[in-house]
C-alpha cells in the first residue's frame, strides 16, 4: 500500500521584490507547515469542549444571578452583575485555545518570513512610543492601547518598525475603539523636508 504525501503549497514569485522568496518558502517555511493542521485540530477540539461546557454554565450563572437578585431584593443587582462577570470570564476561558493557536502560528512563521528580508526580527509583543508621542497629532486621543506583532530591522538601508495597534478611549462607562491598524515607523538616513 502506497501512502501519499500531502502536496505542500508553492509560492509563485510575481514581482521583483519577491525574487528569491520561492526558494526561501520551499526550504524554510514549507517544512514548518507539517503538523500545523494537526495542531489546529487539537486546539479546535479543546475550544469545542469548552464551548459545550460553557453554554449550560453561562445559563446557570445568569439565571442564578437574576434569581438571587430577585429573592434578596437587591436594588444594586449585585448577583446579576456577578453572573454577567462570570460569563465574561467564561468566554475568555472558552476562547483561550483559539488565541493560543494564533500565537503559536505567528511565533512559528513570522520570524522565518522576516528572515527573508535580511536584518528583520519579529516579536509577538513589545512596546512603542509612537502613539503617545504623536497623540492628538497623528493618532486620536486614547485612554488604553494594545500592541502586538512587532517587526523591526533595517530594510534597504532604512530602519523600519511595524506593529499592530488598537487604541481605545473610555468616556464614562462607554469604551470606543478610536484606532485599529498597523503603525509603520521609518527612520531615513538623510534629511528631508
Protein backbone atom coordinates (compact mmCIF):
# COMPACT_ATOMS: atom_id res chain seq x y z
CA UNK A 1 0.00 0.00 0.00
CA UNK A 2 1.43 3.33 -1.04
CA UNK A 3 0.97 6.39 1.19
CA UNK A 4 0.73 9.73 -0.47
CA UNK A 5 2.42 12.81 0.92
CA UNK A 6 0.15 15.84 1.01
CA UNK A 7 1.09 18.45 -1.53
CA UNK A 8 2.65 21.49 0.02
CA UNK A 9 1.71 24.88 -1.37
CA UNK A 10 4.17 26.55 -3.70
CA UNK A 11 4.94 30.26 -3.68
CA UNK A 12 4.91 31.85 -7.12
CA UNK A 13 7.02 34.99 -7.44
CA UNK A 14 5.14 37.74 -9.23
CA UNK A 15 7.13 40.88 -8.57
CA UNK A 16 10.74 42.00 -8.41
CA UNK A 17 10.50 42.42 -4.62
CA UNK A 18 9.57 38.71 -4.31
CA UNK A 19 12.69 37.47 -6.13
CA UNK A 20 14.16 34.57 -4.19
CA UNK A 21 11.17 34.11 -1.88
CA UNK A 22 10.02 30.91 -3.65
CA UNK A 23 13.29 29.20 -2.66
CA UNK A 24 13.05 30.65 0.87
CA UNK A 25 9.49 29.36 1.13
CA UNK A 26 10.44 25.90 -0.10
CA UNK A 27 13.44 25.46 2.20
CA UNK A 28 12.41 27.38 5.33
CA UNK A 29 8.63 27.84 5.51
CA UNK A 30 7.14 24.75 3.81
CA UNK A 31 8.82 22.33 6.26
CA UNK A 32 7.18 24.23 9.14
CA UNK A 33 3.73 23.58 7.66
CA UNK A 34 3.91 19.93 8.68
CA UNK A 35 1.89 19.46 11.82
CA UNK A 36 0.14 22.84 11.66
CA UNK A 37 -3.21 21.30 10.74
CA UNK A 38 -2.90 18.64 13.46
CA UNK A 39 -2.12 21.39 15.97
CA UNK A 40 -5.12 23.41 14.76
CA UNK A 41 -7.41 20.42 15.19
CA UNK A 42 -6.18 19.83 18.76
CA UNK A 43 -6.84 23.47 19.70
CA UNK A 44 -10.21 23.44 17.91
CA UNK A 45 -11.29 20.28 19.77
CA UNK A 46 -10.37 21.95 23.08
CA UNK A 47 -12.35 25.05 22.05
CA UNK A 48 -15.44 22.95 21.16
CA UNK A 49 -15.33 21.10 24.51
CA UNK A 50 -15.04 24.36 26.40
CA UNK A 51 -17.86 25.91 24.38
CA UNK A 52 -20.17 22.95 25.04
CA UNK A 53 -19.44 23.18 28.76
CA UNK A 54 -19.78 26.96 28.88
CA UNK A 55 -23.32 27.17 27.46
CA UNK A 56 -25.07 25.50 30.41
CA UNK A 57 -22.69 27.21 32.86
CA UNK A 58 -23.44 30.61 31.32
CA UNK A 59 -27.18 29.99 31.58
CA UNK A 60 -26.71 28.88 35.19
CA UNK A 61 -24.64 31.98 36.05
CA UNK A 62 -27.16 34.41 34.52
CA UNK A 63 -30.26 32.64 35.85
CA UNK A 64 -28.71 32.21 39.29
CA UNK A 65 -27.72 35.87 39.40
CA UNK A 66 -31.20 37.01 38.39
CA UNK A 67 -32.94 34.64 40.83
CA UNK A 68 -30.71 35.69 43.73
CA UNK A 69 -31.19 39.35 42.86
CA UNK A 70 -34.98 38.88 42.77
CA UNK A 71 -35.22 36.85 46.00
CA UNK A 72 -32.89 39.08 48.03
CA UNK A 73 -34.49 42.31 46.83
CA UNK A 74 -31.06 43.67 45.96
CA UNK A 75 -31.60 47.06 44.30
CA UNK A 76 -27.99 47.20 43.04
CA UNK A 77 -28.36 43.82 41.27
CA UNK A 78 -25.02 42.62 42.64
CA UNK A 79 -25.81 38.96 41.96
CA UNK A 80 -26.94 39.68 38.38
CA UNK A 81 -23.73 41.66 37.79
CA UNK A 82 -21.74 38.81 39.32
CA UNK A 83 -23.45 36.36 36.94
CA UNK A 84 -22.58 38.54 33.95
CA UNK A 85 -18.99 38.89 35.20
CA UNK A 86 -18.70 35.12 35.49
CA UNK A 87 -20.00 34.78 31.90
CA UNK A 88 -17.31 37.22 30.68
CA UNK A 89 -14.62 35.19 32.49
CA UNK A 90 -16.10 32.03 31.00
CA UNK A 91 -15.92 33.47 27.45
CA UNK A 92 -12.25 34.35 27.98
CA UNK A 93 -11.60 30.77 29.12
CA UNK A 94 -13.50 29.34 26.12
CA UNK A 95 -11.53 31.37 23.56
CA UNK A 96 -8.11 30.65 25.14
CA UNK A 97 -7.28 27.69 22.82
CA UNK A 98 -8.00 29.82 19.73
CA UNK A 99 -5.79 32.65 20.99
CA UNK A 100 -3.04 30.18 21.89
CA UNK A 101 -3.16 28.61 18.41
CA UNK A 102 -2.91 32.01 16.70
CA UNK A 103 0.07 32.94 18.87
CA UNK A 104 1.74 29.58 18.15
CA UNK A 105 1.35 30.08 14.39
CA UNK A 106 2.62 33.67 14.47
CA UNK A 107 5.60 32.75 16.66
CA UNK A 108 6.48 29.86 14.36
CA UNK A 109 6.14 31.50 10.94
CA UNK A 110 6.71 35.24 11.30
CA UNK A 111 10.40 35.08 12.31
CA UNK A 112 11.10 32.88 9.27
CA UNK A 113 9.22 35.23 6.93
CA UNK A 114 11.12 38.22 8.38
CA UNK A 115 14.40 36.35 7.86
CA UNK A 116 13.90 36.65 4.10
CA UNK A 117 14.10 40.43 4.31
CA UNK A 118 17.52 40.32 5.95
CA UNK A 119 18.08 42.09 9.23
CA UNK A 120 14.47 41.91 10.43
CA UNK A 121 13.13 40.45 13.69
CA UNK A 122 9.66 39.55 14.93
CA UNK A 123 8.19 39.60 18.43
CA UNK A 124 4.62 38.77 19.41
CA UNK A 125 4.55 41.57 22.00
CA UNK A 126 6.50 44.74 22.68
CA UNK A 127 6.14 48.45 23.31
CA UNK A 128 6.04 51.53 21.15
CA UNK A 129 6.11 55.23 21.94
CA UNK A 130 4.88 56.38 18.52
CA UNK A 131 1.22 56.51 19.54
CA UNK A 132 1.88 58.53 22.71
CA UNK A 133 4.47 60.80 21.04
CA UNK A 134 2.04 61.75 18.27
CA UNK A 135 -1.16 61.66 20.30
CA UNK A 136 -3.60 64.29 19.02
CA UNK A 137 -1.34 64.99 16.01
CA UNK A 138 -1.50 61.75 14.03
CA UNK A 139 -3.36 59.48 16.44
CA UNK A 140 -6.63 60.35 18.18
CA UNK A 141 -6.74 60.81 21.93
CA UNK A 142 -6.96 57.46 23.73
CA UNK A 143 -7.02 56.02 27.24
CA UNK A 144 -5.73 52.47 26.61
CA UNK A 145 -3.65 50.70 24.00
CA UNK A 146 -2.95 47.13 22.93
CA UNK A 147 0.03 46.39 20.68
CA UNK A 148 1.26 43.19 19.07
CA UNK A 149 3.15 41.74 16.10
CA UNK A 150 6.34 43.80 16.26
CA UNK A 151 8.62 43.66 13.22
CA UNK A 152 11.83 45.62 13.39
CA UNK A 153 15.06 45.91 11.44
CA UNK A 154 16.82 47.52 8.52
CA UNK A 155 15.45 47.09 5.00
CA UNK A 156 17.32 48.65 2.07
CA UNK A 157 19.24 50.96 4.44
CA UNK A 158 16.07 52.23 6.12
CA UNK A 159 15.33 51.46 9.77
CA UNK A 160 11.82 50.01 9.90
CA UNK A 161 9.45 49.30 12.81
CA UNK A 162 5.98 47.89 12.23
CA UNK A 163 3.39 46.80 14.76
CA UNK A 164 -0.33 46.32 15.10
CA UNK A 165 -2.04 48.77 17.42
CA UNK A 166 -5.53 49.11 18.89
CA UNK A 167 -6.27 52.36 20.70
CA UNK A 168 -9.39 52.80 22.82
CA UNK A 169 -10.96 55.80 24.52
CA UNK A 170 -13.08 55.41 27.62
CA UNK A 171 -15.71 58.00 28.40
CA UNK A 172 -17.78 57.21 31.47
CA UNK A 173 -18.98 53.62 31.06
CA UNK A 174 -18.56 53.64 27.27
CA UNK A 175 -15.35 52.49 25.57
CA UNK A 176 -14.79 53.05 21.85
CA UNK A 177 -12.03 51.90 19.54
CA UNK A 178 -10.53 55.07 18.03
CA UNK A 179 -7.76 53.40 16.00
CA UNK A 180 -7.09 49.84 14.89
CA UNK A 181 -4.41 49.07 12.34
CA UNK A 182 -0.73 48.87 11.56
CA UNK A 183 1.75 51.53 12.59
CA UNK A 184 4.78 51.94 10.33
CA UNK A 185 7.76 53.90 11.60
CA UNK A 186 10.62 54.67 9.21
CA UNK A 187 13.96 56.27 10.06
CA UNK A 188 15.59 57.73 6.97
CA UNK A 189 19.39 58.10 6.89
CA UNK A 190 19.13 61.58 5.36
CA UNK A 191 17.37 64.87 5.98
CA UNK A 192 14.14 65.64 4.20
CA UNK A 193 11.64 68.50 4.44
